[in-house]
Amino acid sequence: METEKNIGNGHAAAPGLITGEEMKLAEQCMEAALRHGAGQARVSLSKSTLDSYGMLNGELDKVSHSADRSVMLYVFADRKYGVFSTNMLEERELERFASQAVDSVRMLAEDECRRLPDPSRTEKDALTGRELGLYDEAYETLTPEDRYGKAAAECIFHPGGIAGDGSGESGISARCPDGVKIISEECEYSDSVDDCMTMDSNGFRGRHTETSFAVCSEITVGTPDGRKYSGYWWDSSPFSGGLALKECSAIALDRALAGMNPRRHRSGSFNMIVDRSVSSRLVSPLFSALNSSSIQQESSFLKDSVGKRMFSGGLTVTDLARSPGRPGARLFDSEGVKTSDMDIIRDGTVRTCFTNTYMSLKMGVAPTVEGVSRPVLQPFASDPSGIPSGEFGAKEIMKRCRSGIYVTGFNGGNCNPTTGNFSFGIEGFAFRNGRITHPVREMVITGDMISLWNSLLYAGNDARACTRWQIPTLCFEKTDFSG
């Protein structure tokens, strides 16, 4: 890692994957595009590394290391626009690359809405990439032995695994009912660093650097009659010390055992609780529909919704893009536009849509940012009991709902972006009197997004800290299930 020094234009190169020489070459690429006739240009230089150690039944099964480097050149020439990429960072090659890029753009149709964002909208203080505190210097000290140790720590079948005393396999297997055996265990540890530097011909310079550490486990169990069931769990963090080691395999095993022997369930309209691990599946269509590109192309069920109450008054989603040390945080989007903490939906009323520079000019509306960064869905309870002071998650919500279906996984399906109509395959559990009764599979939920979100009964406060999208356990009233 290089020490900090000034790189052209007084820009400081903080320690990271991108070297000062690479920054200079990226800037020369942009300048070459301008020399060859581009009116405006943007260049984005990205570098990343990823190491992963995979374990199979307690033994090291695979080790991988990958490194990637790319330059993206955005060319605006004669009211025409194109995007080009290369991984060659040599001065002569970049000169030719930029020249050919401009020549190619000139063959395209004109579009007067293509231009860089106004400099007043771009971020001014993302100079080192470390401003949000998402880079863990511990990454630089990790050895292969460290990585192997973290992967082994997740394993049931490894002596240094989750039991920690050499009794991992026998101790954890005691959780299994008679005749049920653990057939396979796949665990993986990985860590990565991503470093991105973006600059444009209007003077924007911005850098974002972050590390990521992750562990996951998948357990498959078998019953005496030959049936197999699998469970999966994972955890991640921008910080090495933020991982919950020695937990994933135990949780994955519990999930596999809980899903054994599913039973049929009748069709009908039931309360639906959606687990925090999959609840973002129901939020994603809202963000897609609030993208101005979808609205302009008449493929959004939330067209003309800004300023209108479209959903339950209990639905509030805030984009906390500038949250130091939190996954998903960023100071600027891919255009260099400054992010901000803002309401997306407040008390059921749509407050904003995502509009980049191009769509702003195309539609004649004010620009915002290109998309959501770190959405946080706020807790809500429709009953007088309100939200408890402690954790408000699936167990508490189940007690309040009394009966229904608890969804823990989605198996295919889709949502029509124009109408909001959806059909998703699900798996999970039936519950009655606030307690789970049996697993269910091969059921389908149908409806439309606006009606679904108007039936919101509860939103927990239990979103997983490791996720970029902070979406907690959700509960909806009278959802249509087909058995």
Protein backbone atom coordinates (compact mmCIF):
# COMPACT_ATOMS: atom_id res chain seq x y z
CA MET A 1 0.00 0.00 0.00
CA GLU A 2 1.47 3.32 -0.99
CA THR A 3 1.82 6.28 1.30
CA GLU A 4 -0.22 9.41 0.74
CA LYS A 5 1.12 11.91 -1.79
CA ASN A 6 -0.19 14.51 -4.19
CA ILE A 7 -1.36 13.27 -7.56
CA GLY A 8 -1.92 15.91 -10.25
CA ASN A 9 -4.30 18.80 -9.51
CA GLY A 10 -3.34 18.60 -5.82
CA HIS A 11 -5.39 15.41 -5.40
CA ALA A 12 -4.26 13.22 -2.52
CA ALA A 13 -3.82 9.47 -3.05
CA ALA A 14 -4.61 7.73 0.23
CA PRO A 15 -3.30 4.22 0.85
CA GLY A 16 -5.36 1.72 -1.13
CA LEU A 17 -5.32 -0.52 -4.17
CA ILE A 18 -5.17 2.33 -6.68
CA THR A 19 -1.67 3.71 -7.07
CA GLY A 20 -0.75 7.29 -7.81
CA GLU A 21 0.56 6.27 -11.22
CA GLU A 22 -2.75 4.60 -12.08
CA MET A 23 -4.62 7.76 -11.10
CA LYS A 24 -2.42 9.77 -13.44
CA LEU A 25 -3.06 7.35 -16.29
CA ALA A 26 -6.82 7.47 -15.72
CA GLU A 27 -6.72 11.25 -15.82
CA GLN A 28 -4.64 11.14 -19.01
CA CYS A 29 -7.28 8.87 -20.55
CA MET A 30 -9.95 11.49 -19.85
CA GLU A 31 -7.76 14.26 -21.23
CA ALA A 32 -7.08 12.20 -24.34
CA ALA A 33 -10.81 11.89 -24.97
CA LEU A 34 -11.12 15.66 -24.77
CA ARG A 35 -8.16 16.15 -27.16
CA HIS A 36 -9.78 13.85 -29.68
CA GLY A 37 -12.99 15.84 -29.74
CA ALA A 38 -15.14 14.93 -26.74
CA GLY A 39 -16.97 17.92 -25.30
CA GLN A 40 -17.13 16.33 -21.85
CA ALA A 41 -15.78 13.13 -20.35
CA ARG A 42 -15.80 11.09 -17.18
CA VAL A 43 -13.47 8.27 -16.19
CA SER A 44 -13.91 5.73 -13.41
CA LEU A 45 -10.96 3.60 -12.31
CA SER A 46 -11.84 0.55 -10.19
CA LYS A 47 -9.63 -2.05 -8.55
CA SER A 48 -10.65 -4.95 -6.34
CA THR A 49 -9.26 -8.11 -4.80
CA LEU A 50 -11.14 -11.10 -3.40
CA ASP A 51 -9.84 -14.05 -1.39
CA SER A 52 -12.04 -16.98 -0.44
CA TYR A 53 -11.45 -20.24 1.44
CA GLY A 54 -14.05 -22.98 1.05
CA MET A 55 -14.46 -25.93 3.41
CA LEU A 56 -16.27 -29.18 2.64
CA ASN A 57 -17.10 -31.41 5.59
CA GLY A 58 -14.37 -29.85 7.69
CA GLU A 59 -11.58 -30.01 5.13
CA LEU A 60 -10.17 -27.28 2.93
CA ASP A 61 -11.80 -27.79 -0.46
CA LYS A 62 -10.92 -24.72 -2.51
CA VAL A 63 -8.89 -21.54 -2.30
CA SER A 64 -9.27 -18.67 -4.71
CA HIS A 65 -7.72 -15.26 -5.20
CA SER A 66 -8.95 -12.84 -7.83
CA ALA A 67 -7.89 -9.34 -8.72
CA ASP A 68 -9.66 -7.00 -11.09
CA ARG A 69 -8.84 -3.62 -12.59
CA SER A 70 -10.88 -1.65 -15.09
CA VAL A 71 -11.24 1.81 -16.56
CA MET A 72 -14.67 3.03 -17.63
CA LEU A 73 -14.64 5.98 -20.03
CA TYR A 74 -17.85 7.98 -20.48
CA VAL A 75 -17.70 10.10 -23.65
CA PHE A 76 -19.99 13.05 -24.42
CA ALA A 77 -19.29 14.29 -27.96
CA ASP A 78 -21.46 16.34 -30.34
CA ARG A 79 -24.60 15.66 -28.25
CA LYS A 80 -23.84 11.94 -28.44
CA TYR A 81 -22.85 9.55 -25.66
CA GLY A 82 -21.10 6.22 -25.18
CA VAL A 83 -19.47 4.13 -22.45
CA PHE A 84 -16.29 2.12 -23.00
CA SER A 85 -14.09 -0.04 -20.80
CA THR A 86 -10.57 -1.42 -20.76
CA ASN A 87 -8.22 -3.07 -18.30
CA MET A 88 -5.05 -1.84 -19.99
CA LEU A 89 -3.38 1.04 -18.17
CA GLU A 90 -0.56 1.97 -20.48
CA GLU A 91 -0.24 5.51 -21.79
CA ARG A 92 -0.03 4.57 -25.47
CA GLU A 93 -2.90 2.09 -25.25
CA LEU A 94 -5.11 4.55 -23.38
CA GLU A 95 -4.49 7.22 -26.02
CA ARG A 96 -5.64 4.84 -28.74
CA PHE A 97 -8.53 3.60 -26.61
CA ALA A 98 -9.81 7.16 -26.03
CA SER A 99 -9.43 8.08 -29.71
CA GLN A 100 -11.40 5.04 -30.86
CA ALA A 101 -14.06 5.69 -28.20
CA VAL A 102 -14.68 9.23 -29.47
CA ASP A 103 -14.76 8.03 -33.09
CA SER A 104 -17.32 5.37 -32.15
CA VAL A 105 -19.55 7.84 -30.31
CA ARG A 106 -19.69 10.10 -33.35
CA MET A 107 -21.49 7.34 -35.23
CA LEU A 108 -24.40 7.33 -32.76
CA ALA A 109 -27.65 9.31 -32.92
CA GLU A 110 -27.77 12.71 -31.26
CA ASP A 111 -29.39 13.14 -27.87
CA GLU A 112 -29.15 16.65 -26.47
CA CYS A 113 -29.95 15.43 -22.95
CA ARG A 114 -26.60 13.67 -22.57
CA ARG A 115 -24.24 15.70 -20.42
CA LEU A 116 -22.36 15.69 -17.12
CA PRO A 117 -24.15 16.82 -13.95
CA ASP A 118 -23.85 20.46 -12.93
CA PRO A 119 -20.68 20.84 -10.80
CA SER A 120 -22.75 22.40 -8.02
CA ARG A 121 -24.42 19.01 -7.46
CA THR A 122 -21.26 16.91 -7.16
CA GLU A 123 -19.52 15.81 -3.97
CA LYS A 124 -16.52 17.91 -2.94
CA ASP A 125 -15.19 16.03 0.09
CA ALA A 126 -14.61 12.43 -1.04
CA LEU A 127 -10.88 12.83 -1.63
CA THR A 128 -9.29 9.90 0.22
CA GLY A 129 -12.01 7.24 -0.03
CA ARG A 130 -11.87 6.77 3.73
CA GLU A 131 -14.29 9.52 4.78
CA LEU A 132 -17.07 7.05 5.67
CA GLY A 133 -14.81 4.77 7.67
CA LEU A 134 -15.57 1.66 5.61
CA TYR A 135 -11.97 0.53 5.20
CA ASP A 136 -10.51 -1.81 7.83
CA GLU A 137 -6.72 -1.66 7.94
CA ALA A 138 -6.75 -5.13 9.51
CA TYR A 139 -7.30 -6.40 5.97
CA GLU A 140 -3.68 -5.59 5.15
CA THR A 141 -2.35 -7.90 7.89
CA LEU A 142 -4.38 -11.01 7.05
CA THR A 143 -2.38 -14.12 6.17
CA PRO A 144 -3.48 -17.33 4.44
CA GLU A 145 -3.40 -19.00 7.85
CA ASP A 146 -5.75 -16.34 9.25
CA ARG A 147 -8.22 -16.87 6.41
CA TYR A 148 -8.11 -20.64 6.75
CA GLY A 149 -8.68 -20.30 10.50
CA LYS A 150 -11.77 -18.17 9.97
CA ALA A 151 -13.19 -20.64 7.44
CA ALA A 152 -12.49 -23.59 9.77
CA ALA A 153 -14.09 -21.77 12.70
CA GLU A 154 -17.48 -22.06 10.97
CA CYS A 155 -17.31 -25.81 10.53
CA ILE A 156 -19.12 -28.46 12.48
CA PHE A 157 -16.79 -31.15 11.09
CA HIS A 158 -13.53 -29.38 11.92
CA PRO A 159 -11.86 -29.85 15.36
CA GLY A 160 -11.35 -26.10 15.68
CA GLY A 161 -14.90 -25.37 14.57
CA ILE A 162 -18.03 -24.14 16.25
CA ALA A 163 -17.74 -26.28 19.38
CA GLY A 164 -14.17 -25.07 19.81
CA ASP A 165 -13.11 -28.12 21.86
CA GLY A 166 -12.77 -30.83 19.25
CA SER A 167 -16.28 -32.19 19.91
CA GLY A 168 -17.90 -30.13 17.16
CA GLU A 169 -19.34 -32.96 15.06
CA SER A 170 -20.69 -35.10 17.89
CA GLY A 171 -21.82 -32.15 19.98
CA ILE A 172 -23.74 -30.36 17.26
CA SER A 173 -25.15 -33.58 15.80
CA ALA A 174 -26.94 -34.09 19.09
CA ARG A 175 -29.39 -31.45 17.86
CA CYS A 176 -30.56 -33.86 15.16
CA PRO A 177 -33.57 -36.11 15.85
CA ASP A 178 -32.99 -39.87 15.88
CA GLY A 179 -32.11 -41.17 12.45
CA VAL A 180 -31.38 -37.75 10.98
CA LYS A 181 -27.78 -37.24 9.90
CA ILE A 182 -25.75 -34.36 8.60
CA ILE A 183 -24.92 -35.31 5.02
CA SER A 184 -22.78 -32.38 4.02
CA GLU A 185 -21.48 -29.08 5.27
CA GLU A 186 -20.13 -26.36 3.00
CA CYS A 187 -18.56 -23.33 4.68
CA GLU A 188 -16.78 -20.38 3.16
CA TYR A 189 -14.88 -17.36 4.39
CA SER A 190 -14.07 -14.48 2.06
CA ASP A 191 -12.69 -10.98 2.27
CA SER A 192 -12.33 -8.27 -0.32
CA VAL A 193 -11.38 -4.67 -0.88
CA ASP A 194 -12.88 -2.36 -3.50
CA ASP A 195 -11.27 0.92 -4.48
CA CYS A 196 -12.89 3.28 -6.99
CA MET A 197 -11.74 6.67 -8.24
CA THR A 198 -14.05 8.78 -10.43
CA MET A 199 -13.22 12.09 -12.13
CA ASP A 200 -14.82 14.23 -14.82
CA SER A 201 -13.92 17.14 -17.07
CA ASN A 202 -16.05 19.52 -14.99
CA GLY A 203 -13.61 19.14 -12.11
CA PHE A 204 -15.23 16.40 -10.01
CA ARG A 205 -12.85 14.09 -8.15
CA GLY A 206 -14.19 11.40 -5.82
CA ARG A 207 -12.90 8.20 -4.29
CA HIS A 208 -14.60 5.41 -2.37
CA THR A 209 -12.70 2.58 -0.67
CA GLU A 210 -14.20 -0.21 1.41
CA THR A 211 -13.41 -3.64 2.75
CA SER A 212 -15.80 -6.53 3.19
CA PHE A 213 -15.57 -9.72 5.23
CA ALA A 214 -18.08 -12.56 4.95
CA VAL A 215 -18.79 -16.08 6.15
CA CYS A 216 -21.51 -18.50 5.08
CA SER A 217 -22.57 -22.07 5.63
CA GLU A 218 -24.95 -24.53 3.98
CA ILE A 219 -25.93 -27.72 5.81
CA THR A 220 -27.75 -30.65 4.26
CA VAL A 221 -29.39 -33.28 6.45
CA GLY A 222 -30.93 -36.61 5.49
CA THR A 223 -33.76 -38.64 6.98
CA PRO A 224 -33.96 -42.45 7.17
CA ASP A 225 -36.42 -42.52 4.23
CA GLY A 226 -33.91 -40.77 1.96
CA ARG A 227 -35.30 -37.23 1.99
CA LYS A 228 -32.87 -34.32 2.17
CA TYR A 229 -33.27 -30.82 3.57
CA SER A 230 -30.90 -27.88 3.44
CA GLY A 231 -30.39 -24.76 5.52
CA TYR A 232 -28.25 -21.72 4.79
CA TRP A 233 -26.97 -18.74 6.78
CA TRP A 234 -24.42 -15.98 6.32
CA ASP A 235 -22.93 -12.91 7.94
CA SER A 236 -20.80 -10.03 6.66
CA SER A 237 -19.25 -6.79 7.82
CA PRO A 238 -16.98 -4.02 6.53
CA PHE A 239 -14.76 -4.89 9.51
CA SER A 240 -12.87 -8.08 10.26
CA GLY A 241 -13.88 -7.94 13.92
CA GLY A 242 -17.54 -7.44 13.01
CA LEU A 243 -18.13 -11.00 11.85
CA ALA A 244 -20.19 -13.36 14.00
CA LEU A 245 -17.86 -16.34 13.68
CA LYS A 246 -18.85 -19.82 14.90
CA GLU A 247 -22.55 -19.16 14.33
CA CYS A 248 -23.46 -19.73 10.69
CA SER A 249 -23.27 -23.54 10.65
CA ALA A 250 -25.31 -23.85 13.83
CA ILE A 251 -28.01 -21.55 12.42
CA ALA A 252 -27.90 -23.29 9.03
CA LEU A 253 -28.37 -26.66 10.74
CA ASP A 254 -31.30 -25.39 12.77
CA ARG A 255 -32.91 -24.03 9.60
CA ALA A 256 -32.43 -27.35 7.81
CA LEU A 257 -33.98 -29.31 10.70
CA ALA A 258 -36.87 -26.86 11.07
CA GLY A 259 -37.82 -27.34 7.42
CA MET A 260 -38.18 -31.12 7.63
CA ASN A 261 -41.45 -32.85 6.82
CA PRO A 262 -43.44 -29.95 5.33
CA ARG A 263 -47.21 -30.38 5.14
CA ARG A 264 -49.82 -29.15 2.73
CA HIS A 265 -51.67 -26.01 3.65
CA ARG A 266 -55.03 -24.91 2.32
CA SER A 267 -55.34 -21.91 0.06
CA GLY A 268 -56.83 -18.70 1.38
CA SER A 269 -56.14 -15.21 2.70
CA PHE A 270 -53.91 -15.22 5.77
CA ASN A 271 -51.70 -12.91 7.77
CA MET A 272 -48.22 -13.08 6.26
CA ILE A 273 -45.02 -12.50 8.22
CA VAL A 274 -41.91 -12.12 6.06
CA ASP A 275 -38.58 -12.87 7.72
CA ARG A 276 -35.96 -10.12 7.82
CA SER A 277 -33.56 -12.27 5.78
CA VAL A 278 -35.81 -12.11 2.70
CA SER A 279 -38.09 -9.09 3.28
CA SER A 280 -36.13 -6.91 0.84
CA ARG A 281 -37.70 -8.96 -1.97
CA LEU A 282 -40.95 -7.08 -1.36
CA VAL A 283 -39.29 -3.65 -1.14
CA SER A 284 -37.21 -3.90 -4.30
CA PRO A 285 -40.19 -3.42 -6.69
CA LEU A 286 -40.98 -0.10 -4.98
CA PHE A 287 -37.51 1.29 -5.66
CA SER A 288 -37.58 0.04 -9.25
CA ALA A 289 -40.94 1.74 -9.79
CA LEU A 290 -39.55 4.99 -8.35
CA ASN A 291 -36.71 5.07 -10.87
CA SER A 292 -37.34 7.85 -13.39
CA SER A 293 -36.18 5.63 -16.23
CA SER A 294 -39.08 3.26 -15.52
CA ILE A 295 -41.49 6.18 -15.14
CA GLN A 296 -40.40 7.78 -18.42
CA GLN A 297 -40.78 4.47 -20.25
CA GLU A 298 -44.32 3.99 -18.88
CA SER A 299 -43.27 0.85 -17.02
CA SER A 300 -43.86 1.97 -13.43
CA PHE A 301 -46.87 1.31 -11.24
CA LEU A 302 -45.85 4.40 -9.23
CA LYS A 303 -45.96 6.90 -12.07
CA ASP A 304 -47.09 10.36 -10.89
CA SER A 305 -46.97 9.21 -7.25
CA VAL A 306 -44.55 11.78 -5.76
CA GLY A 307 -46.39 13.82 -3.13
CA LYS A 308 -49.28 11.33 -2.97
CA ARG A 309 -50.15 8.88 -0.21
CA MET A 310 -49.92 5.50 -1.92
CA PHE A 311 -49.35 3.12 0.98
CA SER A 312 -50.21 2.41 4.60
CA GLY A 313 -49.47 5.34 6.90
CA GLY A 314 -47.13 3.00 8.76
CA LEU A 315 -44.70 2.75 5.87
CA THR A 316 -41.66 5.02 6.16
CA VAL A 317 -38.46 4.34 4.25
CA THR A 318 -35.47 6.67 4.62
CA ASP A 319 -32.28 6.51 2.59
CA LEU A 320 -29.46 7.01 5.08
CA ALA A 321 -26.72 7.16 2.45
CA ARG A 322 -24.22 9.07 4.56
CA SER A 323 -24.00 6.73 7.57
CA PRO A 324 -20.35 6.30 8.61
CA GLY A 325 -19.22 2.72 9.03
CA ARG A 326 -22.47 1.23 7.71
CA PRO A 327 -22.81 -1.12 4.72
CA GLY A 328 -24.22 0.64 1.67
CA ALA A 329 -23.13 4.13 2.68
CA ARG A 330 -21.65 6.32 -0.06
CA LEU A 331 -20.92 10.01 -0.49
CA PHE A 332 -21.62 10.12 -4.23
CA ASP A 333 -23.32 8.10 -6.96
CA SER A 334 -21.76 6.93 -10.23
CA GLU A 335 -22.21 10.41 -11.74
CA GLY A 336 -20.38 12.01 -8.81
CA VAL A 337 -23.60 13.57 -7.52
CA LYS A 338 -23.59 14.16 -3.76
CA THR A 339 -25.85 11.83 -1.81
CA SER A 340 -27.99 12.93 1.12
CA ASP A 341 -30.05 11.38 3.87
CA MET A 342 -33.62 11.69 2.59
CA ASP A 343 -37.11 10.29 2.87
CA ILE A 344 -38.18 7.99 0.06
CA ILE A 345 -41.58 7.26 1.58
CA ARG A 346 -42.86 9.03 4.70
CA ASP A 347 -46.05 7.85 6.44
CA GLY A 348 -47.17 6.16 3.23
CA THR A 349 -46.59 9.23 1.05
CA VAL A 350 -44.00 9.04 -1.74
CA ARG A 351 -41.45 11.80 -1.21
CA THR A 352 -38.97 11.32 -4.03
CA CYS A 353 -38.00 9.34 -7.09
CA PHE A 354 -34.52 8.58 -8.40
CA THR A 355 -33.59 10.86 -11.27
CA ASN A 356 -30.13 11.09 -12.80
CA THR A 357 -28.95 13.97 -14.97
CA TYR A 358 -30.06 12.40 -18.23
CA MET A 359 -33.60 11.56 -17.08
CA SER A 360 -33.91 14.97 -15.46
CA LEU A 361 -33.32 16.69 -18.79
CA LYS A 362 -35.38 14.12 -20.68
CA MET A 363 -38.41 14.58 -18.44
CA GLY A 364 -37.97 18.22 -17.51
CA VAL A 365 -37.88 17.50 -13.77
CA ALA A 366 -35.40 18.25 -11.00
CA PRO A 367 -32.56 15.74 -10.65
CA THR A 368 -31.92 13.78 -7.45
CA VAL A 369 -29.54 10.78 -7.33
CA GLU A 370 -29.37 7.75 -9.60
CA GLY A 371 -30.68 5.25 -7.04
CA VAL A 372 -31.08 4.15 -3.45
CA SER A 373 -27.96 3.63 -1.28
CA ARG A 374 -28.85 2.45 2.25
CA PRO A 375 -32.65 2.30 2.65
CA VAL A 376 -33.91 1.93 6.20
CA LEU A 377 -37.53 0.84 6.72
CA GLN A 378 -38.71 2.26 10.02
CA PRO A 379 -40.49 0.17 12.73
CA PHE A 380 -44.27 0.24 12.83
CA ALA A 381 -47.09 -1.39 14.80
CA SER A 382 -50.74 -1.00 13.87
CA ASP A 383 -52.11 -2.05 17.26
CA PRO A 384 -52.30 0.04 20.47
CA SER A 385 -49.49 -1.96 22.05
CA GLY A 386 -47.04 -0.08 19.89
CA ILE A 387 -43.39 -0.99 19.47
CA PRO A 388 -41.68 -2.57 22.50
CA SER A 389 -38.47 -1.16 23.90
CA GLY A 390 -36.54 -4.33 23.09
CA GLU A 391 -36.19 -6.28 19.87
CA PHE A 392 -39.37 -6.36 17.83
CA GLY A 393 -39.01 -9.26 15.43
CA ALA A 394 -40.69 -12.39 14.12
CA LYS A 395 -41.45 -14.00 17.50
CA GLU A 396 -43.17 -10.93 18.97
CA ILE A 397 -45.05 -10.22 15.74
CA MET A 398 -46.20 -13.83 15.55
CA LYS A 399 -47.66 -13.58 19.05
CA ARG A 400 -49.61 -10.47 18.08
CA CYS A 401 -50.89 -11.90 14.80
CA ARG A 402 -51.92 -15.18 16.41
CA SER A 403 -52.19 -17.17 13.14
CA GLY A 404 -50.96 -17.05 9.57
CA ILE A 405 -47.95 -18.04 7.47
CA TYR A 406 -44.36 -17.08 8.24
CA VAL A 407 -42.38 -16.75 4.99
CA THR A 408 -38.66 -17.54 5.28
CA GLY A 409 -37.81 -17.95 1.60
CA PHE A 410 -38.90 -17.01 -1.93
CA ASN A 411 -38.67 -19.56 -4.73
CA GLY A 412 -38.98 -17.77 -8.04
CA GLY A 413 -41.79 -15.60 -9.29
CA ASN A 414 -41.92 -12.02 -10.49
CA CYS A 415 -43.52 -8.60 -10.15
CA ASN A 416 -44.94 -6.81 -13.20
CA PRO A 417 -43.23 -3.38 -13.16
CA THR A 418 -46.11 -1.69 -14.98
CA THR A 419 -49.04 -2.93 -12.92
CA GLY A 420 -47.37 -3.99 -9.66
CA ASN A 421 -49.05 -7.39 -9.86
CA PHE A 422 -46.88 -10.12 -8.36
CA SER A 423 -46.68 -13.88 -8.00
CA PHE A 424 -43.97 -15.39 -5.81
CA GLY A 425 -43.30 -18.95 -4.74
CA ILE A 426 -42.65 -19.17 -1.00
CA GLU A 427 -41.58 -21.54 1.75
CA GLY A 428 -41.83 -21.14 5.48
CA PHE A 429 -44.08 -22.15 8.36
CA ALA A 430 -47.71 -22.08 9.35
CA PHE A 431 -48.35 -20.69 12.82
CA ARG A 432 -51.35 -20.70 15.15
CA ASN A 433 -51.89 -19.12 18.56
CA GLY A 434 -48.57 -17.34 18.10
CA ARG A 435 -46.56 -20.55 17.67
CA ILE A 436 -45.20 -22.40 14.65
CA THR A 437 -47.11 -25.57 13.85
CA HIS A 438 -45.42 -27.04 10.77
CA PRO A 439 -43.29 -26.19 7.70
CA VAL A 440 -44.96 -25.36 4.38
CA ARG A 441 -43.56 -25.40 0.86
CA GLU A 442 -44.71 -25.03 -2.72
CA MET A 443 -47.15 -22.25 -1.96
CA VAL A 444 -47.62 -19.11 -4.04
CA ILE A 445 -48.58 -15.60 -2.95
CA THR A 446 -50.33 -13.28 -5.40
CA GLY A 447 -51.57 -9.71 -5.35
CA ASP A 448 -50.43 -6.22 -6.27
CA MET A 449 -47.78 -4.13 -4.57
CA ILE A 450 -49.93 -1.12 -3.72
CA SER A 451 -52.61 -3.25 -2.03
CA LEU A 452 -49.98 -5.34 -0.25
CA TRP A 453 -48.25 -2.31 1.26
CA ASN A 454 -51.60 -0.84 2.25
CA SER A 455 -52.19 -3.95 4.34
CA LEU A 456 -49.01 -3.48 6.41
CA LEU A 457 -49.65 -4.48 10.04
CA TYR A 458 -46.14 -4.49 11.51
CA ALA A 459 -42.56 -3.63 10.65
CA GLY A 460 -39.96 -4.80 13.13
CA ASN A 461 -36.77 -3.19 14.35
CA ASP A 462 -34.65 -6.27 13.69
CA ALA A 463 -33.01 -5.57 10.32
CA ARG A 464 -29.69 -7.40 10.08
CA ALA A 465 -26.76 -5.06 10.68
CA CYS A 466 -24.76 -6.78 7.93
CA THR A 467 -27.10 -5.79 5.10
CA ARG A 468 -26.94 -2.72 2.86
CA TRP A 469 -30.74 -2.58 2.75
CA GLN A 470 -32.05 -2.28 6.30
CA ILE A 471 -35.38 -4.07 5.88
CA PRO A 472 -36.76 -5.74 9.05
CA THR A 473 -39.35 -8.47 9.56
CA LEU A 474 -42.64 -7.41 7.97
CA CYS A 475 -46.24 -8.45 8.49
CA PHE A 476 -49.18 -8.01 6.10
CA GLU A 477 -52.88 -8.68 6.58
CA LYS A 478 -55.01 -10.94 4.35
CA THR A 479 -52.42 -11.98 1.79
CA ASP A 480 -53.64 -14.46 -0.84
CA PHE A 481 -51.92 -17.87 -0.68
CA SER A 482 -52.39 -20.76 -3.09
CA GLY A 483 -51.51 -24.18 -1.70
